[in-house]
Amino acid sequence: MPDTFSDSDVDDLQENDLSRIGVSLPSNLLSSFDQILKTRGYSSRSEGIRDAIRSYIRYYKWMADMTGPRQGVITIVYDHHQRGLIASITDIQHDYMEVIQASLHSHVSHSRCVEVLLVKGDAKEVKEVAERLMAQKGVETVKLTTIPLEG
């Protein structure tokens, strides 16, 4: 699959080009997904999964196309019981001290935490921070939101 995608790659999927795949999911994730499908009125899981994949591809494309100086936030939700995860998150933050301006940590429940990082720097480094955090086992979600800095 190419690293860059045109809008037609995402939006113009031909129905006759369908492929079947098998996916294993934790029951709680599937249950949450099914509830969203019901609430949003999807006719099938396949339709919802296609929509979710399109959204993921658009987000990836947006991240890949980001350039220049940026300021923004990275929001992380994670399981603080995951062995070694807190140390890994801290190490990543120390590796990017010049990009991360501030952090805010909150305990959501006994096992879940949310952390918000204020970031400022070149888009390449900002993306690296987000991607390294995404790759950690026990991280549920990472959301990067940035705006370009005006010269």
C-alpha atoms as a PDB file:
ATOM      1  CA  MET A   1       0.000   0.000   0.000  1.00  0.00           C
ATOM      2  CA  PRO A   2       1.417   3.434  -0.857  1.00  0.00           C
ATOM      3  CA  ASP A   3       2.424   5.948   1.835  1.00  0.00           C
ATOM      4  CA  THR A   4       0.274   8.650   0.268  1.00  0.00           C
ATOM      5  CA  PHE A   5      -3.365   8.400  -0.719  1.00  0.00           C
ATOM      6  CA  SER A   6      -5.526  10.481  -2.986  1.00  0.00           C
ATOM      7  CA  ASP A   7      -9.085  11.304  -1.969  1.00  0.00           C
ATOM      8  CA  SER A   8     -10.251   8.873  -4.637  1.00  0.00           C
ATOM      9  CA  ASP A   9      -8.284   6.076  -2.923  1.00  0.00           C
ATOM     10  CA  VAL A  10     -10.405   6.585   0.177  1.00  0.00           C
ATOM     11  CA  ASP A  11     -13.763   7.736  -1.166  1.00  0.00           C
ATOM     12  CA  ASP A  12     -14.165   5.769  -4.388  1.00  0.00           C
ATOM     13  CA  LEU A  13     -13.872   2.209  -3.137  1.00  0.00           C
ATOM     14  CA  GLN A  14     -15.638   0.058  -5.699  1.00  0.00           C
ATOM     15  CA  GLU A  15     -18.107  -2.433  -4.272  1.00  0.00           C
ATOM     16  CA  ASN A  16     -16.967  -5.063  -6.783  1.00  0.00           C
ATOM     17  CA  ASP A  17     -13.422  -4.829  -5.353  1.00  0.00           C
ATOM     18  CA  LEU A  18     -14.461  -6.216  -1.960  1.00  0.00           C
ATOM     19  CA  SER A  19     -12.161  -8.561  -0.052  1.00  0.00           C
ATOM     20  CA  ARG A  20     -13.105 -10.656   2.954  1.00  0.00           C
ATOM     21  CA  ILE A  21     -10.929 -10.529   6.053  1.00  0.00           C
ATOM     22  CA  GLY A  22     -11.108 -12.041   9.509  1.00  0.00           C
ATOM     23  CA  VAL A  23     -10.530  -9.877  12.565  1.00  0.00           C
ATOM     24  CA  SER A  24     -10.158 -10.942  16.195  1.00  0.00           C
ATOM     25  CA  LEU A  25     -11.368  -8.377  18.722  1.00  0.00           C
ATOM     26  CA  PRO A  26     -11.781  -8.336  22.495  1.00  0.00           C
ATOM     27  CA  SER A  27     -15.474  -8.773  23.358  1.00  0.00           C
ATOM     28  CA  ASN A  28     -15.703  -5.392  25.115  1.00  0.00           C
ATOM     29  CA  LEU A  29     -14.337  -3.606  22.014  1.00  0.00           C
ATOM     30  CA  LEU A  30     -16.783  -5.405  19.730  1.00  0.00           C
ATOM     31  CA  SER A  31     -19.653  -4.662  22.099  1.00  0.00           C
ATOM     32  CA  SER A  32     -18.791  -0.948  22.133  1.00  0.00           C
ATOM     33  CA  PHE A  33     -18.445  -0.948  18.339  1.00  0.00           C
ATOM     34  CA  ASP A  34     -21.820  -2.689  17.916  1.00  0.00           C
ATOM     35  CA  GLN A  35     -23.470  -0.091  20.166  1.00  0.00           C
ATOM     36  CA  ILE A  36     -22.044   2.729  18.032  1.00  0.00           C
ATOM     37  CA  LEU A  37     -23.249   0.979  14.873  1.00  0.00           C
ATOM     38  CA  LYS A  38     -26.746   0.700  16.333  1.00  0.00           C
ATOM     39  CA  THR A  39     -26.783   4.331  17.516  1.00  0.00           C
ATOM     40  CA  ARG A  40     -25.538   5.640  14.159  1.00  0.00           C
ATOM     41  CA  GLY A  41     -27.893   3.426  12.161  1.00  0.00           C
ATOM     42  CA  TYR A  42     -25.410   1.267  10.274  1.00  0.00           C
ATOM     43  CA  SER A  43     -26.959  -1.680   8.473  1.00  0.00           C
ATOM     44  CA  SER A  44     -24.010  -4.007   9.141  1.00  0.00           C
ATOM     45  CA  ARG A  45     -20.671  -4.359  10.901  1.00  0.00           C
ATOM     46  CA  SER A  46     -18.979  -4.392   7.487  1.00  0.00           C
ATOM     47  CA  GLU A  47     -20.396  -0.964   6.685  1.00  0.00           C
ATOM     48  CA  GLY A  48     -19.167   0.398  10.024  1.00  0.00           C
ATOM     49  CA  ILE A  49     -15.736  -1.169   9.633  1.00  0.00           C
ATOM     50  CA  ARG A  50     -15.370   0.294   6.118  1.00  0.00           C
ATOM     51  CA  ASP A  51     -16.296   3.723   7.482  1.00  0.00           C
ATOM     52  CA  ALA A  52     -13.835   3.370  10.368  1.00  0.00           C
ATOM     53  CA  ILE A  53     -11.027   2.314   8.006  1.00  0.00           C
ATOM     54  CA  ARG A  54     -11.747   5.276   5.701  1.00  0.00           C
ATOM     55  CA  SER A  55     -11.525   7.591   8.721  1.00  0.00           C
ATOM     56  CA  TYR A  56      -8.243   5.985   9.811  1.00  0.00           C
ATOM     57  CA  ILE A  57      -6.782   6.394   6.300  1.00  0.00           C
ATOM     58  CA  ARG A  58      -7.806  10.071   6.197  1.00  0.00           C
ATOM     59  CA  TYR A  59      -6.195  10.650   9.593  1.00  0.00           C
ATOM     60  CA  TYR A  60      -3.018   8.885   8.473  1.00  0.00           C
ATOM     61  CA  LYS A  61      -2.951  10.979   5.298  1.00  0.00           C
ATOM     62  CA  TRP A  62      -3.450  14.172   7.315  1.00  0.00           C
ATOM     63  CA  MET A  63      -0.551  13.193   9.601  1.00  0.00           C
ATOM     64  CA  ALA A  64       1.659  12.260   6.633  1.00  0.00           C
ATOM     65  CA  ASP A  65       0.942  15.585   4.897  1.00  0.00           C
ATOM     66  CA  MET A  66       1.700  17.757   7.961  1.00  0.00           C
ATOM     67  CA  THR A  67       4.784  19.929   7.487  1.00  0.00           C
ATOM     68  CA  GLY A  68       6.468  22.927   9.040  1.00  0.00           C
ATOM     69  CA  PRO A  69       6.231  24.370  12.518  1.00  0.00           C
ATOM     70  CA  ARG A  70       3.131  23.244  14.435  1.00  0.00           C
ATOM     71  CA  GLN A  71       1.554  23.700  17.831  1.00  0.00           C
ATOM     72  CA  GLY A  72      -1.042  21.404  19.287  1.00  0.00           C
ATOM     73  CA  VAL A  73      -2.028  18.719  21.741  1.00  0.00           C
ATOM     74  CA  ILE A  74      -1.610  14.982  21.988  1.00  0.00           C
ATOM     75  CA  THR A  75      -4.267  13.221  24.063  1.00  0.00           C
ATOM     76  CA  ILE A  76      -3.439   9.733  25.340  1.00  0.00           C
ATOM     77  CA  VAL A  77      -5.767   7.269  27.082  1.00  0.00           C
ATOM     78  CA  TYR A  78      -4.050   4.247  28.566  1.00  0.00           C
ATOM     79  CA  ASP A  79      -4.188   1.385  31.050  1.00  0.00           C
ATOM     80  CA  HIS A  80      -1.845   2.325  33.872  1.00  0.00           C
ATOM     81  CA  HIS A  81      -1.716  -1.319  35.019  1.00  0.00           C
ATOM     82  CA  GLN A  82       0.100  -2.302  31.808  1.00  0.00           C
ATOM     83  CA  ARG A  83       3.549  -3.384  32.929  1.00  0.00           C
ATOM     84  CA  GLY A  84       6.245  -0.870  31.976  1.00  0.00           C
ATOM     85  CA  LEU A  85       3.874   1.485  30.145  1.00  0.00           C
ATOM     86  CA  ILE A  86       4.193   4.469  32.482  1.00  0.00           C
ATOM     87  CA  ALA A  87       7.989   4.243  32.275  1.00  0.00           C
ATOM     88  CA  SER A  88       7.814   4.048  28.462  1.00  0.00           C
ATOM     89  CA  ILE A  89       5.522   7.076  28.243  1.00  0.00           C
ATOM     90  CA  THR A  90       7.828   9.018  30.564  1.00  0.00           C
ATOM     91  CA  ASP A  91      10.901   8.005  28.531  1.00  0.00           C
ATOM     92  CA  ILE A  92       9.233   9.163  25.299  1.00  0.00           C
ATOM     93  CA  GLN A  93       8.387  12.492  26.917  1.00  0.00           C
ATOM     94  CA  HIS A  94      11.990  12.921  28.054  1.00  0.00           C
ATOM     95  CA  ASP A  95      13.237  12.053  24.556  1.00  0.00           C
ATOM     96  CA  TYR A  96      11.172  14.950  23.172  1.00  0.00           C
ATOM     97  CA  MET A  97      11.630  17.572  25.905  1.00  0.00           C
ATOM     98  CA  GLU A  98      12.241  20.250  23.242  1.00  0.00           C
ATOM     99  CA  VAL A  99       8.836  19.491  21.646  1.00  0.00           C
ATOM    100  CA  ILE A 100       6.666  18.816  24.708  1.00  0.00           C
ATOM    101  CA  GLN A 101       5.937  22.080  26.499  1.00  0.00           C
ATOM    102  CA  ALA A 102       3.655  20.750  29.243  1.00  0.00           C
ATOM    103  CA  SER A 103       1.696  17.699  30.321  1.00  0.00           C
ATOM    104  CA  LEU A 104      -1.471  17.141  32.307  1.00  0.00           C
ATOM    105  CA  HIS A 105      -2.300  13.770  33.843  1.00  0.00           C
ATOM    106  CA  SER A 106      -5.699  12.659  35.135  1.00  0.00           C
ATOM    107  CA  HIS A 107      -6.921   9.418  36.684  1.00  0.00           C
ATOM    108  CA  VAL A 108     -10.139   8.424  34.890  1.00  0.00           C
ATOM    109  CA  SER A 109     -10.724   5.221  36.822  1.00  0.00           C
ATOM    110  CA  HIS A 110      -8.779   2.681  38.858  1.00  0.00           C
ATOM    111  CA  SER A 111      -7.135   1.327  35.697  1.00  0.00           C
ATOM    112  CA  ARG A 112      -7.363   4.117  33.103  1.00  0.00           C
ATOM    113  CA  CYS A 113      -5.534   7.416  32.809  1.00  0.00           C
ATOM    114  CA  VAL A 114      -5.679  10.284  30.354  1.00  0.00           C
ATOM    115  CA  GLU A 115      -2.698  12.459  29.601  1.00  0.00           C
ATOM    116  CA  VAL A 116      -2.647  15.641  27.532  1.00  0.00           C
ATOM    117  CA  LEU A 117       0.627  16.916  26.099  1.00  0.00           C
ATOM    118  CA  LEU A 118       1.042  20.453  24.788  1.00  0.00           C
ATOM    119  CA  VAL A 119       3.462  20.232  21.862  1.00  0.00           C
ATOM    120  CA  LYS A 120       5.274  22.766  19.705  1.00  0.00           C
ATOM    121  CA  GLY A 121       7.865  22.101  17.022  1.00  0.00           C
ATOM    122  CA  ASP A 122       8.501  20.795  13.555  1.00  0.00           C
ATOM    123  CA  ALA A 123       5.687  18.584  12.262  1.00  0.00           C
ATOM    124  CA  LYS A 124       8.098  15.662  11.796  1.00  0.00           C
ATOM    125  CA  GLU A 125       9.038  15.612  15.488  1.00  0.00           C
ATOM    126  CA  VAL A 126       5.460  16.220  16.668  1.00  0.00           C
ATOM    127  CA  LYS A 127       4.316  13.227  14.577  1.00  0.00           C
ATOM    128  CA  GLU A 128       7.178  11.097  15.936  1.00  0.00           C
ATOM    129  CA  VAL A 129       5.991  11.724  19.502  1.00  0.00           C
ATOM    130  CA  ALA A 130       2.413  10.729  18.649  1.00  0.00           C
ATOM    131  CA  GLU A 131       3.479   7.652  16.662  1.00  0.00           C
ATOM    132  CA  ARG A 132       5.820   6.404  19.400  1.00  0.00           C
ATOM    133  CA  LEU A 133       3.031   6.774  21.945  1.00  0.00           C
ATOM    134  CA  MET A 134       0.573   4.957  19.642  1.00  0.00           C
ATOM    135  CA  ALA A 135       2.933   2.005  19.385  1.00  0.00           C
ATOM    136  CA  GLN A 136       2.994   1.300  23.132  1.00  0.00           C
ATOM    137  CA  LYS A 137       1.129  -1.758  24.393  1.00  0.00           C
ATOM    138  CA  GLY A 138      -1.609  -0.663  26.781  1.00  0.00           C
ATOM    139  CA  VAL A 139      -2.274   2.657  25.048  1.00  0.00           C
ATOM    140  CA  GLU A 140      -5.953   2.702  24.072  1.00  0.00           C
ATOM    141  CA  THR A 141      -6.032   5.892  22.023  1.00  0.00           C
ATOM    142  CA  VAL A 142      -3.765   8.696  20.890  1.00  0.00           C
ATOM    143  CA  LYS A 143      -5.230  11.771  19.249  1.00  0.00           C
ATOM    144  CA  LEU A 144      -3.013  14.434  17.704  1.00  0.00           C
ATOM    145  CA  THR A 145      -4.472  17.845  16.908  1.00  0.00           C
ATOM    146  CA  THR A 146      -2.255  20.627  15.565  1.00  0.00           C
ATOM    147  CA  ILE A 147      -2.352  23.970  13.847  1.00  0.00           C
ATOM    148  CA  PRO A 148       0.392  25.545  11.742  1.00  0.00           C
ATOM    149  CA  LEU A 149       2.411  28.306  13.357  1.00  0.00           C
ATOM    150  CA  GLU A 150       2.329  31.485  11.365  1.00  0.00           C
ATOM    151  CA  GLY A 151       5.709  33.037  10.601  1.00  0.00           C
END
